[in-house]
Amino acid sequence: MTEPDSIKDFESAIGELEQIVRQLEDGDLALDKALALFERGVTLSRYCHDQIGAAERRIEQLTERGQLRDASALLDPSTDTTR
């Protein structure tokens, strides 16, 4: 199992999450393996959710006044003051 900080990008996270879902749906895993996969799936799901939220905030920022602005700070969760 890989660590949460090893997630490369949104697309690879979605791909890995889909693979985990297929493995869990097959149902022929040992309990420990199933729990580890489920935990990794939760991590990936949270990462994807955060990425989608950041993209939504960036789109809102870009379209707010009909002009483009630097929204790179919106991609850094440590600068997010809405949480």
C-alpha atoms as a PDB file:
ATOM      1  CA  MET A   1       0.000   0.000   0.000  1.00  0.00           C
ATOM      2  CA  THR A   2       1.307   3.463  -0.844  1.00  0.00           C
ATOM      3  CA  GLU A   3       1.348   6.473   1.441  1.00  0.00           C
ATOM      4  CA  PRO A   4      -1.192   9.342   1.029  1.00  0.00           C
ATOM      5  CA  ASP A   5       1.525  11.770  -0.060  1.00  0.00           C
ATOM      6  CA  SER A   6       2.349   9.463  -2.974  1.00  0.00           C
ATOM      7  CA  ILE A   7      -0.784  10.531  -4.875  1.00  0.00           C
ATOM      8  CA  LYS A   8       0.502  12.005  -8.128  1.00  0.00           C
ATOM      9  CA  ASP A   9      -2.565  13.793  -9.456  1.00  0.00           C
ATOM     10  CA  PHE A  10      -6.355  13.714  -9.655  1.00  0.00           C
ATOM     11  CA  GLU A  11      -6.492  11.369 -12.640  1.00  0.00           C
ATOM     12  CA  SER A  12      -4.186   8.772 -11.108  1.00  0.00           C
ATOM     13  CA  ALA A  13      -6.106   9.006  -7.824  1.00  0.00           C
ATOM     14  CA  ILE A  14      -9.393   8.325  -9.621  1.00  0.00           C
ATOM     15  CA  GLY A  15      -7.835   5.399 -11.488  1.00  0.00           C
ATOM     16  CA  GLU A  16      -6.492   3.864  -8.297  1.00  0.00           C
ATOM     17  CA  LEU A  17      -9.807   4.420  -6.539  1.00  0.00           C
ATOM     18  CA  GLU A  18     -11.662   2.634  -9.351  1.00  0.00           C
ATOM     19  CA  GLN A  19      -9.242  -0.294  -9.075  1.00  0.00           C
ATOM     20  CA  ILE A  20      -9.797  -0.477  -5.307  1.00  0.00           C
ATOM     21  CA  VAL A  21     -13.572  -0.477  -5.762  1.00  0.00           C
ATOM     22  CA  ARG A  22     -13.325  -3.370  -8.232  1.00  0.00           C
ATOM     23  CA  GLN A  23     -11.135  -5.359  -5.833  1.00  0.00           C
ATOM     24  CA  LEU A  24     -13.490  -4.754  -2.914  1.00  0.00           C
ATOM     25  CA  GLU A  25     -16.540  -5.639  -5.008  1.00  0.00           C
ATOM     26  CA  ASP A  26     -14.962  -8.959  -5.977  1.00  0.00           C
ATOM     27  CA  GLY A  27     -15.120  -9.826  -2.285  1.00  0.00           C
ATOM     28  CA  ASP A  28     -12.411 -12.485  -2.234  1.00  0.00           C
ATOM     29  CA  LEU A  29      -9.941 -10.581  -0.020  1.00  0.00           C
ATOM     30  CA  ALA A  30      -8.743 -11.305   3.468  1.00  0.00           C
ATOM     31  CA  LEU A  31     -10.227  -8.947   6.028  1.00  0.00           C
ATOM     32  CA  ASP A  32      -6.920  -7.177   6.698  1.00  0.00           C
ATOM     33  CA  LYS A  33      -6.347  -6.588   2.980  1.00  0.00           C
ATOM     34  CA  ALA A  34      -9.925  -5.360   2.493  1.00  0.00           C
ATOM     35  CA  LEU A  35      -9.585  -2.919   5.390  1.00  0.00           C
ATOM     36  CA  ALA A  36      -6.258  -1.621   4.063  1.00  0.00           C
ATOM     37  CA  LEU A  37      -7.782  -1.093   0.619  1.00  0.00           C
ATOM     38  CA  PHE A  38     -10.814   0.609   2.124  1.00  0.00           C
ATOM     39  CA  GLU A  39      -8.549   2.947   4.109  1.00  0.00           C
ATOM     40  CA  ARG A  40      -6.562   3.812   0.984  1.00  0.00           C
ATOM     41  CA  GLY A  41      -9.846   4.396  -0.848  1.00  0.00           C
ATOM     42  CA  VAL A  42     -10.965   6.862   1.810  1.00  0.00           C
ATOM     43  CA  THR A  43      -7.649   8.717   1.492  1.00  0.00           C
ATOM     44  CA  LEU A  44      -7.988   8.859  -2.296  1.00  0.00           C
ATOM     45  CA  SER A  45     -11.612   9.945  -2.082  1.00  0.00           C
ATOM     46  CA  ARG A  46     -10.747  12.798   0.279  1.00  0.00           C
ATOM     47  CA  TYR A  47      -7.899  13.877  -1.993  1.00  0.00           C
ATOM     48  CA  CYS A  48     -10.212  13.911  -5.031  1.00  0.00           C
ATOM     49  CA  HIS A  49     -12.886  15.791  -3.130  1.00  0.00           C
ATOM     50  CA  ASP A  50     -10.330  18.423  -2.074  1.00  0.00           C
ATOM     51  CA  GLN A  51      -9.063  18.764  -5.649  1.00  0.00           C
ATOM     52  CA  ILE A  52     -12.586  19.222  -7.008  1.00  0.00           C
ATOM     53  CA  GLY A  53     -13.316  21.813  -4.315  1.00  0.00           C
ATOM     54  CA  ALA A  54     -10.146  23.717  -5.189  1.00  0.00           C
ATOM     55  CA  ALA A  55     -11.059  23.654  -8.879  1.00  0.00           C
ATOM     56  CA  GLU A  56     -14.569  24.913  -8.107  1.00  0.00           C
ATOM     57  CA  ARG A  57     -13.173  27.769  -6.000  1.00  0.00           C
ATOM     58  CA  ARG A  58     -10.732  28.645  -8.752  1.00  0.00           C
ATOM     59  CA  ILE A  59     -13.500  28.700 -11.375  1.00  0.00           C
ATOM     60  CA  GLU A  60     -15.616  30.911  -9.116  1.00  0.00           C
ATOM     61  CA  GLN A  61     -12.644  33.234  -8.650  1.00  0.00           C
ATOM     62  CA  LEU A  62     -11.931  33.363 -12.379  1.00  0.00           C
ATOM     63  CA  THR A  63     -15.506  34.058 -13.412  1.00  0.00           C
ATOM     64  CA  GLU A  64     -16.474  36.348 -10.536  1.00  0.00           C
ATOM     65  CA  ARG A  65     -15.782  39.557 -12.433  1.00  0.00           C
ATOM     66  CA  GLY A  66     -15.593  38.182 -15.946  1.00  0.00           C
ATOM     67  CA  GLN A  67     -11.834  38.484 -15.988  1.00  0.00           C
ATOM     68  CA  LEU A  68      -8.953  36.175 -15.257  1.00  0.00           C
ATOM     69  CA  ARG A  69      -6.997  36.576 -12.041  1.00  0.00           C
ATOM     70  CA  ASP A  70      -4.147  34.684 -10.441  1.00  0.00           C
ATOM     71  CA  ALA A  71      -5.866  31.992  -8.396  1.00  0.00           C
ATOM     72  CA  SER A  72      -2.872  29.749  -7.743  1.00  0.00           C
ATOM     73  CA  ALA A  73      -3.211  30.376  -3.989  1.00  0.00           C
ATOM     74  CA  LEU A  74      -6.576  28.624  -4.140  1.00  0.00           C
ATOM     75  CA  LEU A  75      -4.837  25.359  -4.999  1.00  0.00           C
ATOM     76  CA  ASP A  76      -2.836  25.401  -1.762  1.00  0.00           C
ATOM     77  CA  PRO A  77      -5.073  24.076   1.042  1.00  0.00           C
ATOM     78  CA  SER A  78      -2.849  25.707   3.672  1.00  0.00           C
ATOM     79  CA  THR A  79      -3.966  29.151   2.442  1.00  0.00           C
ATOM     80  CA  ASP A  80      -7.653  28.264   2.482  1.00  0.00           C
ATOM     81  CA  THR A  81      -9.404  30.451   5.033  1.00  0.00           C
ATOM     82  CA  THR A  82     -12.908  29.076   4.347  1.00  0.00           C
ATOM     83  CA  ARG A  83     -12.417  25.938   6.450  1.00  0.00           C
END
